[in-house]
Amino acid sequence: FVNTNDSTIKKAIDNWYQANMLDYTDSLEDTVWCNDRSIYNGPLKSKDEDSSTNTYTRFGANGRNVVLHQPSLECVNKLDQFTVSEENGNGALTYPVALLTGDELTLAGHGWSGYSSLSYLYTNKYWWALSPSYFDYYYANGLGVSSSGNLSNYGMHNPFGVRPAVSLAPGTIVGGGDGSRDDPFTVDLDPNVS
């Protein structure tokens, strides 16, 4: 897969980053954000078939989190390793920010099964994960978190929220806050790390 056009969500996240985070870029790590487009099963052509074929294509995150319940943080395809620089990924990002993957959300307590509203990420709202889920004969589906806190499949036409995520660079510590909208995290540089 070649990355030619930015998605609507990426454009919104980039605009948010420009407006709110540019001054903090030096405190952030150029993390690999894994938009895993590997195929778990099915023919990719299913997106172009009519409904009488009843076929669909599951992507890797769907297979790991929905079918097997075995999340993984491994990202094997370099084209799916979204980063700002090409040093450790594909260099396709403008800023070091993206969405959390379905696998990360499962590990945080928002899995397909065993989910909990006690997760530190719980919001009582619907929001998107980074991971594609499957193509069926109607539309593309992505993984997202429901208002009850579980990871599930949703048609990409749904107007869910997005929660941009960043990774703190080594030597950056949380100075306060709980990460909520009303009390956001504050960060400090650790004077003992250079």
N, C-alpha and C. Protein backbone atom coordinates (compact mmCIF):
# COMPACT_ATOMS: atom_id res chain seq x y z
N PHE A 1 0.84 -1.18 0.00
CA PHE A 1 0.00 0.00 0.00
C PHE A 1 0.88 1.25 0.00
N VAL A 2 0.61 2.15 -0.88
CA VAL A 2 1.35 3.41 -0.94
C VAL A 2 0.51 4.48 -0.25
N ASN A 3 1.16 5.31 0.54
CA ASN A 3 0.46 6.39 1.25
C ASN A 3 0.47 7.63 0.39
N THR A 4 -0.66 7.90 -0.28
CA THR A 4 -0.74 9.02 -1.21
C THR A 4 -1.50 10.20 -0.61
N ASN A 5 -2.67 9.94 -0.05
CA ASN A 5 -3.53 11.00 0.46
C ASN A 5 -3.71 10.88 1.97
N ASP A 6 -3.75 12.03 2.65
CA ASP A 6 -4.06 12.04 4.08
C ASP A 6 -5.54 11.77 4.28
N SER A 7 -5.86 11.01 5.33
CA SER A 7 -7.25 10.77 5.68
C SER A 7 -7.84 12.02 6.32
N THR A 8 -9.15 12.06 6.42
CA THR A 8 -9.83 13.17 7.09
C THR A 8 -9.39 13.25 8.55
N ILE A 9 -9.25 12.08 9.20
CA ILE A 9 -8.83 12.06 10.60
C ILE A 9 -7.40 12.58 10.75
N LYS A 10 -6.49 12.17 9.86
CA LYS A 10 -5.10 12.65 9.95
C LYS A 10 -5.06 14.17 9.77
N LYS A 11 -5.82 14.71 8.85
CA LYS A 11 -5.86 16.16 8.65
C LYS A 11 -6.34 16.87 9.92
N ALA A 12 -7.38 16.32 10.56
CA ALA A 12 -7.90 16.92 11.79
C ALA A 12 -6.87 16.86 12.91
N ILE A 13 -6.17 15.72 13.03
CA ILE A 13 -5.15 15.58 14.07
C ILE A 13 -3.99 16.52 13.82
N ASP A 14 -3.55 16.65 12.57
CA ASP A 14 -2.47 17.57 12.24
C ASP A 14 -2.86 19.01 12.57
N ASN A 15 -4.10 19.39 12.26
CA ASN A 15 -4.57 20.75 12.59
C ASN A 15 -4.58 20.97 14.09
N TRP A 16 -5.03 19.96 14.85
CA TRP A 16 -5.03 20.06 16.31
C TRP A 16 -3.60 20.21 16.83
N TYR A 17 -2.68 19.41 16.28
CA TYR A 17 -1.30 19.46 16.71
C TYR A 17 -0.70 20.85 16.44
N GLN A 18 -0.93 21.37 15.25
CA GLN A 18 -0.42 22.70 14.91
C GLN A 18 -0.93 23.76 15.88
N ALA A 19 -2.19 23.67 16.25
CA ALA A 19 -2.80 24.67 17.12
C ALA A 19 -2.41 24.52 18.59
N ASN A 20 -2.06 23.30 19.03
CA ASN A 20 -1.88 23.06 20.46
C ASN A 20 -0.54 22.48 20.90
N MET A 21 0.21 21.87 20.01
CA MET A 21 1.35 21.07 20.46
C MET A 21 2.71 21.43 19.88
N LEU A 22 2.78 22.34 18.94
CA LEU A 22 4.06 22.63 18.29
C LEU A 22 5.17 22.98 19.28
N ASP A 23 4.86 23.71 20.32
CA ASP A 23 5.87 24.11 21.31
C ASP A 23 6.41 22.93 22.12
N TYR A 24 5.74 21.79 22.07
CA TYR A 24 6.14 20.62 22.87
C TYR A 24 6.84 19.54 22.05
N THR A 25 7.05 19.78 20.77
CA THR A 25 7.60 18.75 19.89
C THR A 25 8.92 18.19 20.38
N ASP A 26 9.79 19.03 20.94
CA ASP A 26 11.10 18.55 21.43
C ASP A 26 10.96 17.60 22.62
N SER A 27 9.82 17.59 23.28
CA SER A 27 9.60 16.70 24.42
C SER A 27 8.91 15.40 24.01
N LEU A 28 8.72 15.20 22.70
CA LEU A 28 8.01 14.03 22.21
C LEU A 28 8.92 13.10 21.43
N GLU A 29 8.63 11.82 21.50
CA GLU A 29 9.36 10.78 20.79
C GLU A 29 8.72 10.57 19.42
N ASP A 30 9.55 10.30 18.42
CA ASP A 30 9.04 9.94 17.09
C ASP A 30 8.68 8.46 17.11
N THR A 31 7.57 8.16 17.75
CA THR A 31 7.09 6.80 17.96
C THR A 31 6.61 6.16 16.67
N VAL A 32 6.72 4.85 16.57
CA VAL A 32 6.10 4.11 15.47
C VAL A 32 4.62 3.93 15.80
N TRP A 33 3.76 4.48 14.95
CA TRP A 33 2.31 4.30 15.07
C TRP A 33 1.93 3.27 14.01
N CYS A 34 1.51 2.09 14.43
CA CYS A 34 1.30 0.97 13.51
C CYS A 34 -0.11 0.94 12.95
N ASN A 35 -0.27 1.35 11.71
CA ASN A 35 -1.55 1.24 11.00
C ASN A 35 -1.51 -0.06 10.21
N ASP A 36 -1.62 -1.18 10.92
CA ASP A 36 -1.42 -2.52 10.36
C ASP A 36 -2.46 -2.86 9.30
N ARG A 37 -2.01 -2.92 8.05
CA ARG A 37 -2.91 -3.25 6.95
C ARG A 37 -2.67 -4.66 6.43
N SER A 38 -2.01 -5.49 7.25
CA SER A 38 -1.83 -6.89 6.85
C SER A 38 -3.20 -7.56 6.79
N ILE A 39 -3.32 -8.58 5.97
CA ILE A 39 -4.60 -9.28 5.82
C ILE A 39 -4.59 -10.52 6.69
N TYR A 40 -5.59 -10.64 7.55
CA TYR A 40 -5.74 -11.82 8.40
C TYR A 40 -6.38 -12.96 7.60
N ASN A 41 -7.48 -12.66 6.91
CA ASN A 41 -8.07 -13.64 6.00
C ASN A 41 -8.99 -12.95 5.01
N GLY A 42 -9.30 -13.64 3.93
CA GLY A 42 -10.20 -13.12 2.90
C GLY A 42 -9.45 -12.44 1.78
N PRO A 43 -10.11 -12.32 0.64
CA PRO A 43 -9.50 -11.66 -0.52
C PRO A 43 -9.72 -10.15 -0.45
N LEU A 44 -8.70 -9.37 -0.66
CA LEU A 44 -8.85 -7.92 -0.62
C LEU A 44 -9.86 -7.45 -1.65
N LYS A 45 -10.08 -8.22 -2.70
CA LYS A 45 -11.04 -7.82 -3.71
C LYS A 45 -12.47 -7.78 -3.20
N SER A 46 -12.73 -8.29 -1.99
CA SER A 46 -14.09 -8.31 -1.46
C SER A 46 -14.73 -6.93 -1.41
N LYS A 47 -13.91 -5.90 -1.31
CA LYS A 47 -14.46 -4.55 -1.27
C LYS A 47 -15.13 -4.16 -2.58
N ASP A 48 -14.79 -4.86 -3.67
CA ASP A 48 -15.34 -4.54 -4.98
C ASP A 48 -16.41 -5.52 -5.44
N GLU A 49 -16.72 -6.52 -4.65
CA GLU A 49 -17.70 -7.53 -5.04
C GLU A 49 -19.11 -7.11 -4.63
N ASP A 50 -20.09 -7.76 -5.22
CA ASP A 50 -21.46 -7.45 -4.85
C ASP A 50 -21.86 -8.26 -3.62
N SER A 51 -23.00 -7.92 -3.04
CA SER A 51 -23.41 -8.51 -1.78
C SER A 51 -23.73 -10.00 -1.88
N SER A 52 -23.94 -10.52 -3.08
CA SER A 52 -24.28 -11.94 -3.22
C SER A 52 -23.11 -12.85 -2.90
N THR A 53 -21.87 -12.32 -2.89
CA THR A 53 -20.71 -13.17 -2.62
C THR A 53 -20.51 -13.40 -1.13
N ASN A 54 -21.04 -12.52 -0.30
CA ASN A 54 -20.92 -12.64 1.16
C ASN A 54 -19.49 -12.85 1.63
N THR A 55 -18.54 -12.21 0.98
CA THR A 55 -17.15 -12.32 1.41
C THR A 55 -16.69 -10.99 1.99
N TYR A 56 -15.72 -11.07 2.87
CA TYR A 56 -15.09 -9.85 3.35
C TYR A 56 -13.66 -10.15 3.74
N THR A 57 -12.91 -9.09 3.89
CA THR A 57 -11.49 -9.19 4.19
C THR A 57 -11.22 -8.66 5.58
N ARG A 58 -10.68 -9.50 6.45
CA ARG A 58 -10.29 -9.07 7.79
C ARG A 58 -8.82 -8.64 7.76
N PHE A 59 -8.54 -7.49 8.40
CA PHE A 59 -7.17 -7.05 8.55
C PHE A 59 -6.57 -7.62 9.84
N GLY A 60 -5.25 -7.48 9.98
CA GLY A 60 -4.51 -8.08 11.09
C GLY A 60 -5.04 -7.74 12.47
N ALA A 61 -5.36 -6.47 12.71
CA ALA A 61 -5.83 -6.07 14.04
C ALA A 61 -7.16 -6.72 14.38
N ASN A 62 -8.02 -6.92 13.38
CA ASN A 62 -9.29 -7.61 13.60
C ASN A 62 -9.01 -9.06 13.99
N GLY A 63 -8.13 -9.73 13.26
CA GLY A 63 -7.80 -11.12 13.58
C GLY A 63 -7.23 -11.28 14.98
N ARG A 64 -6.30 -10.40 15.36
CA ARG A 64 -5.66 -10.51 16.67
C ARG A 64 -6.61 -10.17 17.82
N ASN A 65 -7.40 -9.11 17.66
CA ASN A 65 -8.19 -8.59 18.78
C ASN A 65 -9.63 -9.08 18.83
N VAL A 66 -10.23 -9.37 17.68
CA VAL A 66 -11.62 -9.78 17.63
C VAL A 66 -11.74 -11.30 17.57
N VAL A 67 -10.92 -11.95 16.74
CA VAL A 67 -11.01 -13.39 16.55
C VAL A 67 -10.19 -14.16 17.59
N LEU A 68 -8.90 -13.83 17.70
CA LEU A 68 -7.98 -14.60 18.55
C LEU A 68 -7.87 -14.07 19.97
N HIS A 69 -8.18 -12.81 20.20
CA HIS A 69 -8.01 -12.15 21.50
C HIS A 69 -6.55 -12.23 21.94
N GLN A 70 -5.64 -11.96 21.00
CA GLN A 70 -4.20 -11.99 21.26
C GLN A 70 -3.55 -10.74 20.71
N PRO A 71 -3.67 -9.61 21.41
CA PRO A 71 -3.08 -8.37 20.90
C PRO A 71 -1.56 -8.47 20.82
N SER A 72 -1.01 -7.69 19.91
CA SER A 72 0.45 -7.66 19.73
C SER A 72 0.88 -6.23 19.44
N LEU A 73 2.05 -5.87 19.94
CA LEU A 73 2.60 -4.55 19.66
C LEU A 73 3.63 -4.58 18.53
N GLU A 74 3.79 -5.74 17.90
CA GLU A 74 4.73 -5.88 16.78
C GLU A 74 4.11 -5.28 15.52
N CYS A 75 4.90 -4.56 14.76
CA CYS A 75 4.45 -3.97 13.50
C CYS A 75 5.44 -4.41 12.43
N VAL A 76 5.07 -5.41 11.66
CA VAL A 76 6.04 -6.07 10.78
C VAL A 76 6.27 -5.38 9.44
N ASN A 77 5.31 -4.66 8.92
CA ASN A 77 5.44 -4.05 7.61
C ASN A 77 5.89 -2.59 7.75
N LYS A 78 7.06 -2.27 7.19
CA LYS A 78 7.60 -0.91 7.33
C LYS A 78 6.66 0.15 6.75
N LEU A 79 5.92 -0.18 5.70
CA LEU A 79 4.97 0.78 5.14
C LEU A 79 3.86 1.13 6.12
N ASP A 80 3.61 0.25 7.09
CA ASP A 80 2.57 0.49 8.10
C ASP A 80 3.12 1.14 9.37
N GLN A 81 4.43 1.36 9.44
CA GLN A 81 5.09 1.96 10.61
C GLN A 81 5.15 3.47 10.40
N PHE A 82 4.12 4.16 10.83
CA PHE A 82 4.01 5.60 10.58
C PHE A 82 4.85 6.38 11.58
N THR A 83 5.77 7.18 11.04
CA THR A 83 6.69 8.00 11.82
C THR A 83 6.91 9.32 11.09
N VAL A 84 7.57 10.26 11.76
CA VAL A 84 7.94 11.51 11.11
C VAL A 84 9.20 11.30 10.27
N SER A 85 10.23 10.69 10.85
CA SER A 85 11.46 10.44 10.11
C SER A 85 11.45 9.04 9.51
N GLU A 86 12.29 8.81 8.54
CA GLU A 86 12.40 7.48 7.94
C GLU A 86 13.40 6.60 8.68
N GLU A 87 13.98 7.11 9.77
CA GLU A 87 14.98 6.37 10.52
C GLU A 87 14.41 5.08 11.11
N ASN A 88 13.20 5.14 11.66
CA ASN A 88 12.62 3.94 12.28
C ASN A 88 11.23 3.62 11.76
N GLY A 89 10.84 4.19 10.63
CA GLY A 89 9.52 3.95 10.06
C GLY A 89 9.41 4.48 8.66
N ASN A 90 8.17 4.77 8.23
CA ASN A 90 7.96 5.15 6.84
C ASN A 90 8.10 6.64 6.55
N GLY A 91 8.22 7.50 7.58
CA GLY A 91 8.40 8.93 7.36
C GLY A 91 7.18 9.63 6.78
N ALA A 92 5.99 9.03 6.91
CA ALA A 92 4.78 9.58 6.29
C ALA A 92 4.04 10.60 7.16
N LEU A 93 4.44 10.75 8.43
CA LEU A 93 3.73 11.69 9.32
C LEU A 93 4.36 13.07 9.27
N THR A 94 3.54 14.07 9.44
CA THR A 94 4.00 15.45 9.55
C THR A 94 4.45 15.75 10.97
N TYR A 95 3.70 15.24 11.94
CA TYR A 95 3.96 15.46 13.36
C TYR A 95 3.96 14.13 14.10
N PRO A 96 4.62 14.05 15.27
CA PRO A 96 4.69 12.80 16.03
C PRO A 96 3.42 12.54 16.86
N VAL A 97 2.31 12.36 16.17
CA VAL A 97 1.01 12.18 16.82
C VAL A 97 0.16 11.26 15.95
N ALA A 98 -0.65 10.43 16.58
CA ALA A 98 -1.58 9.55 15.86
C ALA A 98 -2.62 9.05 16.85
N LEU A 99 -3.36 8.03 16.44
CA LEU A 99 -4.33 7.38 17.31
C LEU A 99 -3.74 6.10 17.86
N LEU A 100 -4.26 5.62 18.98
CA LEU A 100 -3.85 4.33 19.52
C LEU A 100 -4.42 3.21 18.66
N THR A 101 -3.69 2.10 18.57
CA THR A 101 -4.13 0.96 17.78
C THR A 101 -5.15 0.12 18.54
N GLY A 102 -5.83 -0.77 17.83
CA GLY A 102 -6.73 -1.70 18.47
C GLY A 102 -6.02 -2.57 19.49
N ASP A 103 -4.79 -2.97 19.17
CA ASP A 103 -4.00 -3.80 20.09
C ASP A 103 -3.69 -3.03 21.38
N GLU A 104 -3.29 -1.77 21.25
CA GLU A 104 -2.99 -0.96 22.44
C GLU A 104 -4.24 -0.75 23.29
N LEU A 105 -5.38 -0.57 22.63
CA LEU A 105 -6.63 -0.39 23.36
C LEU A 105 -7.06 -1.66 24.07
N THR A 106 -6.83 -2.82 23.45
CA THR A 106 -7.12 -4.09 24.12
C THR A 106 -6.26 -4.22 25.37
N LEU A 107 -4.97 -3.92 25.24
CA LEU A 107 -4.06 -4.02 26.39
C LEU A 107 -4.41 -3.02 27.49
N ALA A 108 -5.05 -1.91 27.12
CA ALA A 108 -5.43 -0.89 28.10
C ALA A 108 -6.77 -1.20 28.76
N GLY A 109 -7.44 -2.28 28.35
CA GLY A 109 -8.70 -2.67 28.98
C GLY A 109 -9.94 -2.43 28.15
N HIS A 110 -9.76 -2.15 26.85
CA HIS A 110 -10.91 -1.89 25.98
C HIS A 110 -11.09 -2.98 24.94
N GLY A 111 -10.75 -4.22 25.26
CA GLY A 111 -10.79 -5.30 24.29
C GLY A 111 -12.19 -5.70 23.86
N TRP A 112 -12.22 -6.58 22.85
CA TRP A 112 -13.47 -7.13 22.34
C TRP A 112 -14.21 -7.88 23.44
N SER A 113 -13.45 -8.60 24.26
CA SER A 113 -14.03 -9.27 25.42
C SER A 113 -13.19 -8.90 26.63
N GLY A 114 -13.80 -8.85 27.77
CA GLY A 114 -13.07 -8.49 28.98
C GLY A 114 -12.82 -7.01 29.13
N TYR A 115 -13.58 -6.19 28.41
CA TYR A 115 -13.40 -4.75 28.50
C TYR A 115 -13.96 -4.22 29.82
N SER A 116 -13.56 -3.00 30.14
CA SER A 116 -13.98 -2.44 31.42
C SER A 116 -14.10 -0.93 31.34
N SER A 117 -15.10 -0.40 32.01
CA SER A 117 -15.22 1.06 32.11
C SER A 117 -14.23 1.61 33.14
N LEU A 118 -13.44 0.73 33.75
CA LEU A 118 -12.43 1.17 34.71
C LEU A 118 -11.10 1.53 34.03
N SER A 119 -10.99 1.31 32.72
CA SER A 119 -9.78 1.65 32.01
C SER A 119 -9.47 3.14 32.17
N TYR A 120 -8.21 3.47 32.26
CA TYR A 120 -7.83 4.88 32.39
C TYR A 120 -8.17 5.68 31.13
N LEU A 121 -8.52 5.01 30.04
CA LEU A 121 -8.89 5.70 28.79
C LEU A 121 -10.40 5.83 28.62
N TYR A 122 -11.18 5.28 29.54
CA TYR A 122 -12.64 5.26 29.39
C TYR A 122 -13.21 6.68 29.37
N THR A 123 -14.13 6.94 28.41
CA THR A 123 -14.71 8.28 28.28
C THR A 123 -16.23 8.31 28.24
N ASN A 124 -16.89 7.15 28.13
CA ASN A 124 -18.34 7.09 27.94
C ASN A 124 -18.75 7.67 26.59
N LYS A 125 -17.83 7.70 25.63
CA LYS A 125 -18.08 8.22 24.27
C LYS A 125 -17.56 7.22 23.25
N TYR A 126 -18.01 7.37 22.00
CA TYR A 126 -17.49 6.58 20.89
C TYR A 126 -16.28 7.30 20.30
N TRP A 127 -15.20 6.55 20.02
CA TRP A 127 -14.00 7.15 19.41
C TRP A 127 -13.24 6.10 18.62
N TRP A 128 -12.48 6.59 17.65
CA TRP A 128 -11.77 5.73 16.69
C TRP A 128 -10.42 5.26 17.19
N ALA A 129 -10.07 4.03 16.80
CA ALA A 129 -8.71 3.52 16.92
C ALA A 129 -8.02 3.75 15.58
N LEU A 130 -6.73 3.56 15.54
CA LEU A 130 -5.97 3.71 14.29
C LEU A 130 -6.20 2.53 13.36
N SER A 131 -6.54 1.37 13.89
CA SER A 131 -6.53 0.12 13.13
C SER A 131 -7.73 -0.08 12.21
N PRO A 132 -7.44 -0.45 10.92
CA PRO A 132 -8.54 -0.89 10.06
C PRO A 132 -9.03 -2.25 10.55
N SER A 133 -10.30 -2.55 10.33
CA SER A 133 -10.86 -3.82 10.79
C SER A 133 -11.16 -4.77 9.63
N TYR A 134 -12.09 -4.39 8.75
CA TYR A 134 -12.37 -5.24 7.59
C TYR A 134 -13.08 -4.47 6.50
N PHE A 135 -13.01 -5.01 5.28
CA PHE A 135 -13.82 -4.58 4.16
C PHE A 135 -14.93 -5.59 4.00
N ASP A 136 -16.17 -5.13 3.87
CA ASP A 136 -17.22 -6.04 3.45
C ASP A 136 -17.75 -5.51 2.13
N TYR A 137 -18.85 -6.07 1.66
CA TYR A 137 -19.37 -5.66 0.35
C TYR A 137 -20.17 -4.37 0.42
N TYR A 138 -20.24 -3.74 1.57
CA TYR A 138 -20.90 -2.45 1.69
C TYR A 138 -19.91 -1.30 1.89
N TYR A 139 -18.99 -1.45 2.87
CA TYR A 139 -18.09 -0.34 3.16
C TYR A 139 -16.91 -0.81 4.01
N ALA A 140 -15.98 0.11 4.22
CA ALA A 140 -14.82 -0.16 5.06
C ALA A 140 -15.21 -0.01 6.52
N ASN A 141 -14.62 -0.85 7.36
CA ASN A 141 -14.87 -0.82 8.80
C ASN A 141 -13.56 -0.63 9.55
N GLY A 142 -13.60 0.15 10.60
CA GLY A 142 -12.43 0.35 11.44
C GLY A 142 -12.74 -0.09 12.86
N LEU A 143 -11.70 -0.23 13.67
CA LEU A 143 -11.90 -0.53 15.08
C LEU A 143 -12.10 0.78 15.84
N GLY A 144 -12.99 0.74 16.80
CA GLY A 144 -13.25 1.90 17.63
C GLY A 144 -13.72 1.46 19.00
N VAL A 145 -13.80 2.40 19.91
CA VAL A 145 -14.26 2.13 21.27
C VAL A 145 -15.66 2.69 21.42
N SER A 146 -16.56 1.88 22.00
CA SER A 146 -17.94 2.31 22.19
C SER A 146 -18.09 3.09 23.49
N SER A 147 -19.29 3.61 23.71
CA SER A 147 -19.54 4.37 24.94
C SER A 147 -19.48 3.47 26.18
N SER A 148 -19.63 2.15 26.00
CA SER A 148 -19.51 1.24 27.15
C SER A 148 -18.06 0.83 27.39
N GLY A 149 -17.17 1.18 26.47
CA GLY A 149 -15.75 0.91 26.67
C GLY A 149 -15.19 -0.26 25.91
N ASN A 150 -16.00 -0.97 25.11
CA ASN A 150 -15.47 -2.12 24.39
C ASN A 150 -14.99 -1.76 22.98
N LEU A 151 -13.97 -2.48 22.54
CA LEU A 151 -13.45 -2.35 21.18
C LEU A 151 -14.39 -3.10 20.26
N SER A 152 -14.77 -2.48 19.13
CA SER A 152 -15.69 -3.13 18.21
C SER A 152 -15.44 -2.64 16.79
N ASN A 153 -16.14 -3.23 15.82
CA ASN A 153 -16.07 -2.85 14.41
C ASN A 153 -17.13 -1.81 14.10
N TYR A 154 -16.76 -0.78 13.35
CA TYR A 154 -17.72 0.25 12.98
C TYR A 154 -17.45 0.70 11.56
N GLY A 155 -18.54 0.98 10.82
CA GLY A 155 -18.40 1.53 9.48
C GLY A 155 -17.72 2.89 9.56
N MET A 156 -16.81 3.14 8.63
CA MET A 156 -16.02 4.37 8.67
C MET A 156 -16.85 5.64 8.42
N HIS A 157 -18.11 5.48 8.08
CA HIS A 157 -18.99 6.64 7.89
C HIS A 157 -19.49 7.21 9.22
N ASN A 158 -19.28 6.50 10.33
CA ASN A 158 -19.75 6.97 11.64
C ASN A 158 -18.95 8.17 12.13
N PRO A 159 -19.63 9.18 12.65
CA PRO A 159 -18.95 10.41 13.09
C PRO A 159 -18.45 10.31 14.54
N PHE A 160 -17.53 9.39 14.79
CA PHE A 160 -16.99 9.21 16.14
C PHE A 160 -15.90 10.24 16.42
N GLY A 161 -15.55 10.36 17.68
CA GLY A 161 -14.48 11.27 18.09
C GLY A 161 -13.11 10.66 17.82
N VAL A 162 -12.10 11.49 17.93
CA VAL A 162 -10.71 11.03 17.85
C VAL A 162 -9.97 11.53 19.08
N ARG A 163 -9.00 10.74 19.52
CA ARG A 163 -8.21 11.08 20.70
C ARG A 163 -6.74 10.99 20.32
N PRO A 164 -6.15 12.08 19.87
CA PRO A 164 -4.75 12.05 19.48
C PRO A 164 -3.87 11.60 20.65
N ALA A 165 -2.84 10.83 20.32
CA ALA A 165 -1.90 10.34 21.33
C ALA A 165 -0.49 10.73 20.92
N VAL A 166 0.35 10.96 21.92
CA VAL A 166 1.77 11.27 21.72
C VAL A 166 2.57 10.41 22.69
N SER A 167 3.85 10.27 22.41
CA SER A 167 4.76 9.57 23.32
C SER A 167 5.80 10.54 23.83
N LEU A 168 5.98 10.58 25.14
CA LEU A 168 6.98 11.46 25.73
C LEU A 168 8.39 10.95 25.43
N ALA A 169 9.28 11.86 25.12
CA ALA A 169 10.68 11.50 24.86
C ALA A 169 11.37 11.14 26.17
N PRO A 170 12.44 10.34 26.11
CA PRO A 170 13.20 10.02 27.32
C PRO A 170 13.63 11.32 28.01
N GLY A 171 13.55 11.33 29.32
CA GLY A 171 13.92 12.52 30.08
C GLY A 171 12.76 13.47 30.32
N THR A 172 11.58 13.13 29.80
CA THR A 172 10.39 13.93 30.01
C THR A 172 9.53 13.21 31.03
N ILE A 173 9.10 13.91 32.06
CA ILE A 173 8.30 13.27 33.11
C ILE A 173 6.99 14.02 33.29
N VAL A 174 5.99 13.30 33.78
CA VAL A 174 4.71 13.93 34.06
C VAL A 174 4.85 14.73 35.34
N GLY A 175 4.53 16.01 35.26
CA GLY A 175 4.67 16.89 36.41
C GLY A 175 3.39 17.05 37.20
N GLY A 176 2.25 16.70 36.61
CA GLY A 176 0.97 16.84 37.29
C GLY A 176 -0.18 16.57 36.34
N GLY A 177 -1.38 16.69 36.85
CA GLY A 177 -2.59 16.46 36.06
C GLY A 177 -2.96 14.99 36.00
N ASP A 178 -4.21 14.74 35.58
CA ASP A 178 -4.66 13.36 35.45
C ASP A 178 -4.96 12.96 34.01
N GLY A 179 -4.67 13.83 33.06
CA GLY A 179 -4.86 13.52 31.65
C GLY A 179 -6.24 13.80 31.12
N SER A 180 -7.13 14.30 31.95
CA SER A 180 -8.49 14.62 31.50
C SER A 180 -8.51 15.99 30.84
N ARG A 181 -9.63 16.31 30.23
CA ARG A 181 -9.78 17.61 29.58
C ARG A 181 -9.68 18.75 30.60
N ASP A 182 -10.24 18.54 31.79
CA ASP A 182 -10.25 19.58 32.81
C ASP A 182 -8.95 19.68 33.59
N ASP A 183 -8.17 18.59 33.59
CA ASP A 183 -6.91 18.57 34.33
C ASP A 183 -5.84 17.83 33.50
N PRO A 184 -5.41 18.45 32.39
CA PRO A 184 -4.47 17.75 31.50
C PRO A 184 -3.12 17.52 32.16
N PHE A 185 -2.42 16.50 31.66
CA PHE A 185 -1.07 16.24 32.14
C PHE A 185 -0.19 17.46 31.88
N THR A 186 0.74 17.71 32.78
CA THR A 186 1.80 18.69 32.52
C THR A 186 3.09 17.90 32.49
N VAL A 187 4.05 18.35 31.69
CA VAL A 187 5.32 17.63 31.58
C VAL A 187 6.47 18.53 31.97
N ASP A 188 7.49 17.89 32.51
CA ASP A 188 8.72 18.57 32.92
C ASP A 188 9.89 17.79 32.37
N LEU A 189 10.97 18.47 32.10
CA LEU A 189 12.19 17.78 31.71
C LEU A 189 12.92 17.33 32.97
N ASP A 190 13.39 16.11 32.97
CA ASP A 190 14.13 15.55 34.08
C ASP A 190 15.55 16.14 34.03
N PRO A 191 15.97 16.91 35.03
CA PRO A 191 17.30 17.53 35.01
C PRO A 191 18.42 16.49 35.06
N ASN A 192 18.13 15.25 35.45
CA ASN A 192 19.17 14.22 35.54
C ASN A 192 19.39 13.47 34.24
N VAL A 193 18.58 13.76 33.21
CA VAL A 193 18.72 13.10 31.92
C VAL A 193 19.13 14.13 30.88
N SER A 194 20.16 13.81 30.11
CA SER A 194 20.57 14.75 29.06
C SER A 194 20.43 14.14 27.71
